[in-house]
PDB file of N, CA and C in Angstrom:
ATOM      1  N   UNK A   1      65.257 -21.309   3.562  1.00  0.00           N
ATOM      2  CA  UNK A   1      65.950 -19.832   3.238  1.00  0.00           C
ATOM      3  C   UNK A   1      67.280 -19.571   3.128  1.00  0.00           C
ATOM      4  N   UNK A   2      68.453 -20.441   4.184  1.00  0.00           N
ATOM      5  CA  UNK A   2      69.731 -19.801   3.704  1.00  0.00           C
ATOM      6  C   UNK A   2      70.185 -20.806   2.498  1.00  0.00           C
ATOM      7  N   UNK A   3      69.562 -21.397   1.435  1.00  0.00           N
ATOM      8  CA  UNK A   3      70.085 -21.860   1.122  1.00  0.00           C
ATOM      9  C   UNK A   3      70.091 -21.417  -0.108  1.00  0.00           C
ATOM     10  N   UNK A   4      68.530 -20.313  -0.077  1.00  0.00           N
ATOM     11  CA  UNK A   4      68.355 -19.638  -1.628  1.00  0.00           C
ATOM     12  C   UNK A   4      68.965 -18.376  -1.009  1.00  0.00           C
ATOM     13  N   UNK A   5      69.675 -17.975  -0.183  1.00  0.00           N
ATOM     14  CA  UNK A   5      70.794 -16.454   0.283  1.00  0.00           C
ATOM     15  C   UNK A   5      71.866 -16.892  -0.398  1.00  0.00           C
ATOM     16  N   UNK A   6      72.656 -18.325  -0.200  1.00  0.00           N
ATOM     17  CA  UNK A   6      73.732 -18.318  -0.305  1.00  0.00           C
ATOM     18  C   UNK A   6      73.756 -18.556  -1.985  1.00  0.00           C
ATOM     19  N   UNK A   7      72.596 -18.608  -2.523  1.00  0.00           N
ATOM     20  CA  UNK A   7      72.518 -19.054  -4.049  1.00  0.00           C
ATOM     21  C   UNK A   7      72.200 -17.446  -4.535  1.00  0.00           C
ATOM     22  N   UNK A   8      72.278 -16.475  -4.491  1.00  0.00           N
ATOM     23  CA  UNK A   8      71.683 -15.311  -4.341  1.00  0.00           C
ATOM     24  C   UNK A   8      73.310 -14.747  -4.563  1.00  0.00           C
ATOM     25  N   UNK A   9      73.817 -15.153  -3.117  1.00  0.00           N
ATOM     26  CA  UNK A   9      75.703 -14.613  -2.792  1.00  0.00           C
ATOM     27  C   UNK A   9      76.353 -15.232  -3.934  1.00  0.00           C
ATOM     28  N   UNK A  10      75.617 -16.370  -4.357  1.00  0.00           N
ATOM     29  CA  UNK A  10      77.123 -17.201  -5.609  1.00  0.00           C
ATOM     30  C   UNK A  10      76.622 -16.403  -6.754  1.00  0.00           C
ATOM     31  N   UNK A  11      75.344 -15.766  -7.195  1.00  0.00           N
ATOM     32  CA  UNK A  11      74.923 -15.465  -8.270  1.00  0.00           C
ATOM     33  C   UNK A  11      76.042 -13.661  -8.306  1.00  0.00           C
ATOM     34  N   UNK A  12      75.735 -13.139  -7.274  1.00  0.00           N
ATOM     35  CA  UNK A  12      76.425 -12.015  -7.129  1.00  0.00           C
ATOM     36  C   UNK A  12      77.897 -11.832  -7.568  1.00  0.00           C
ATOM     37  N   UNK A  13      78.784 -12.968  -6.987  1.00  0.00           N
ATOM     38  CA  UNK A  13      79.455 -13.485  -6.937  1.00  0.00           C
ATOM     39  C   UNK A  13      80.111 -13.446  -8.550  1.00  0.00           C
ATOM     40  N   UNK A  14      79.204 -14.564  -9.255  1.00  0.00           N
ATOM     41  CA  UNK A  14      79.183 -14.635 -10.808  1.00  0.00           C
ATOM     42  C   UNK A  14      79.309 -13.733 -11.098  1.00  0.00           C
ATOM     43  N   UNK A  15      78.395 -12.582 -10.855  1.00  0.00           N
ATOM     44  CA  UNK A  15      78.236 -11.789 -11.580  1.00  0.00           C
ATOM     45  C   UNK A  15      79.130 -10.913 -11.734  1.00  0.00           C
ATOM     46  N   UNK A  16      80.006 -10.509 -10.791  1.00  0.00           N
ATOM     47  CA  UNK A  16      80.782  -9.781 -10.832  1.00  0.00           C
ATOM     48  C   UNK A  16      82.282  -9.786 -11.946  1.00  0.00           C
ATOM     49  N   UNK A  17      82.009 -11.129 -11.978  1.00  0.00           N
ATOM     50  CA  UNK A  17      83.577 -11.661 -12.712  1.00  0.00           C
ATOM     51  C   UNK A  17      82.717 -11.241 -14.493  1.00  0.00           C
ATOM     52  N   UNK A  18      83.788 -11.758 -15.367  1.00  0.00           N
ATOM     53  CA  UNK A  18      83.820 -11.930 -16.767  1.00  0.00           C
ATOM     54  C   UNK A  18      83.148 -12.735 -17.074  1.00  0.00           C
ATOM     55  N   UNK A  19      82.942 -14.249 -16.062  1.00  0.00           N
ATOM     56  CA  UNK A  19      82.355 -15.825 -16.565  1.00  0.00           C
ATOM     57  C   UNK A  19      80.951 -15.691 -16.252  1.00  0.00           C
ATOM     58  N   UNK A  20      80.108 -14.344 -15.844  1.00  0.00           N
ATOM     59  CA  UNK A  20      78.869 -14.308 -15.648  1.00  0.00           C
ATOM     60  C   UNK A  20      78.364 -14.974 -17.015  1.00  0.00           C
ATOM     61  N   UNK A  21      78.604 -14.084 -18.129  1.00  0.00           N
ATOM     62  CA  UNK A  21      78.123 -14.619 -19.120  1.00  0.00           C
ATOM     63  C   UNK A  21      78.007 -15.703 -19.887  1.00  0.00           C
ATOM     64  N   UNK A  22      79.569 -16.766 -19.369  1.00  0.00           N
ATOM     65  CA  UNK A  22      79.144 -18.243 -19.232  1.00  0.00           C
ATOM     66  C   UNK A  22      78.148 -18.738 -19.028  1.00  0.00           C
ATOM     67  N   UNK A  23      78.367 -18.450 -17.656  1.00  0.00           N
ATOM     68  CA  UNK A  23      77.666 -19.224 -16.410  1.00  0.00           C
ATOM     69  C   UNK A  23      76.038 -18.998 -16.969  1.00  0.00           C
ATOM     70  N   UNK A  24      75.741 -17.517 -17.385  1.00  0.00           N
ATOM     71  CA  UNK A  24      74.327 -17.282 -17.867  1.00  0.00           C
ATOM     72  C   UNK A  24      73.814 -18.529 -19.556  1.00  0.00           C
ATOM     73  N   UNK A  25      74.921 -18.302 -20.146  1.00  0.00           N
ATOM     74  CA  UNK A  25      75.320 -19.507 -21.210  1.00  0.00           C
ATOM     75  C   UNK A  25      74.182 -20.712 -20.499  1.00  0.00           C
ATOM     76  N   UNK A  26      75.379 -21.232 -19.822  1.00  0.00           N
ATOM     77  CA  UNK A  26      75.139 -22.828 -19.310  1.00  0.00           C
ATOM     78  C   UNK A  26      73.876 -23.302 -18.577  1.00  0.00           C
ATOM     79  N   UNK A  27      73.304 -21.920 -18.210  1.00  0.00           N
ATOM     80  CA  UNK A  27      72.121 -22.039 -17.281  1.00  0.00           C
ATOM     81  C   UNK A  27      71.004 -21.774 -18.636  1.00  0.00           C
ATOM     82  N   UNK A  28      70.621 -21.252 -19.467  1.00  0.00           N
ATOM     83  CA  UNK A  28      70.258 -21.354 -20.294  1.00  0.00           C
ATOM     84  C   UNK A  28      70.551 -22.707 -21.282  1.00  0.00           C
ATOM     85  N   UNK A  29      71.073 -23.155 -21.693  1.00  0.00           N
ATOM     86  CA  UNK A  29      71.213 -24.367 -22.138  1.00  0.00           C
ATOM     87  C   UNK A  29      70.971 -25.470 -21.434  1.00  0.00           C
ATOM     88  N   UNK A  30      70.798 -25.406 -19.681  1.00  0.00           N
ATOM     89  CA  UNK A  30      70.117 -26.304 -19.162  1.00  0.00           C
ATOM     90  C   UNK A  30      68.738 -26.483 -19.133  1.00  0.00           C
ATOM     91  N   UNK A  31      68.515 -25.417 -19.099  1.00  0.00           N
ATOM     92  CA  UNK A  31      66.888 -24.560 -19.188  1.00  0.00           C
ATOM     93  C   UNK A  31      66.204 -25.320 -20.606  1.00  0.00           C
ATOM     94  N   UNK A  32      66.751 -24.792 -21.438  1.00  0.00           N
ATOM     95  CA  UNK A  32      66.416 -25.548 -22.714  1.00  0.00           C
ATOM     96  C   UNK A  32      66.348 -27.082 -23.160  1.00  0.00           C
ATOM     97  N   UNK A  33      67.184 -27.843 -21.991  1.00  0.00           N
ATOM     98  CA  UNK A  33      67.102 -29.452 -22.203  1.00  0.00           C
ATOM     99  C   UNK A  33      66.296 -29.411 -21.383  1.00  0.00           C
ATOM    100  N   UNK A  34      66.308 -28.866 -20.385  1.00  0.00           N
ATOM    101  CA  UNK A  34      65.181 -29.573 -19.772  1.00  0.00           C
ATOM    102  C   UNK A  34      64.190 -29.278 -20.216  1.00  0.00           C
ATOM    103  N   UNK A  35      63.722 -28.344 -20.797  1.00  0.00           N
ATOM    104  CA  UNK A  35      62.358 -28.350 -21.609  1.00  0.00           C
ATOM    105  C   UNK A  35      61.977 -29.479 -22.485  1.00  0.00           C
ATOM    106  N   UNK A  36      63.006 -29.052 -22.973  1.00  0.00           N
ATOM    107  CA  UNK A  36      62.829 -30.186 -24.631  1.00  0.00           C
ATOM    108  C   UNK A  36      62.348 -31.614 -23.984  1.00  0.00           C
ATOM    109  N   UNK A  37      63.374 -32.149 -22.890  1.00  0.00           N
ATOM    110  CA  UNK A  37      62.960 -33.967 -21.789  1.00  0.00           C
ATOM    111  C   UNK A  37      61.570 -33.378 -21.743  1.00  0.00           C
ATOM    112  N   UNK A  38      61.164 -32.443 -21.333  1.00  0.00           N
ATOM    113  CA  UNK A  38      59.756 -32.109 -20.931  1.00  0.00           C
ATOM    114  C   UNK A  38      58.510 -32.447 -21.663  1.00  0.00           C
ATOM    115  N   UNK A  39      59.016 -31.811 -22.655  1.00  0.00           N
ATOM    116  CA  UNK A  39      57.927 -31.848 -23.755  1.00  0.00           C
ATOM    117  C   UNK A  39      58.134 -32.930 -24.446  1.00  0.00           C
ATOM    118  N   UNK A  40      58.905 -33.546 -25.151  1.00  0.00           N
ATOM    119  CA  UNK A  40      59.213 -34.787 -25.216  1.00  0.00           C
ATOM    120  C   UNK A  40      58.743 -36.248 -24.411  1.00  0.00           C
ATOM    121  N   UNK A  41      58.602 -35.991 -23.011  1.00  0.00           N
ATOM    122  CA  UNK A  41      57.994 -36.833 -22.357  1.00  0.00           C
ATOM    123  C   UNK A  41      55.958 -36.821 -22.432  1.00  0.00           C
ATOM    124  N   UNK A  42      56.096 -35.570 -22.495  1.00  0.00           N
ATOM    125  CA  UNK A  42      54.703 -35.159 -22.701  1.00  0.00           C
ATOM    126  C   UNK A  42      54.271 -36.040 -24.062  1.00  0.00           C
ATOM    127  N   UNK A  43      55.182 -35.923 -24.984  1.00  0.00           N
ATOM    128  CA  UNK A  43      54.333 -36.314 -26.122  1.00  0.00           C
ATOM    129  C   UNK A  43      54.326 -37.596 -26.003  1.00  0.00           C
ATOM    130  N   UNK A  44      55.383 -38.214 -25.518  1.00  0.00           N
ATOM    131  CA  UNK A  44      55.308 -39.885 -25.412  1.00  0.00           C
ATOM    132  C   UNK A  44      53.796 -40.279 -24.773  1.00  0.00           C
ATOM    133  N   UNK A  45      53.717 -39.859 -23.841  1.00  0.00           N
ATOM    134  CA  UNK A  45      53.057 -40.020 -23.175  1.00  0.00           C
ATOM    135  C   UNK A  45      51.652 -40.750 -23.440  1.00  0.00           C
ATOM    136  N   UNK A  46      51.010 -39.433 -24.698  1.00  0.00           N
ATOM    137  CA  UNK A  46      49.906 -39.614 -25.232  1.00  0.00           C
ATOM    138  C   UNK A  46      49.959 -40.154 -26.206  1.00  0.00           C
TER     139      UNK A  46
END
């Protein structure tokens, strides 16, 4: 639970900066990459 609260604090800190948009773009790119890898792994297993 403490880890989540610190993550929320970090996110709020990011949101107050101009780099928040860059941070969100990085998160989106990572999520897209993870999703693509996940789909590829599923396709390879079949």
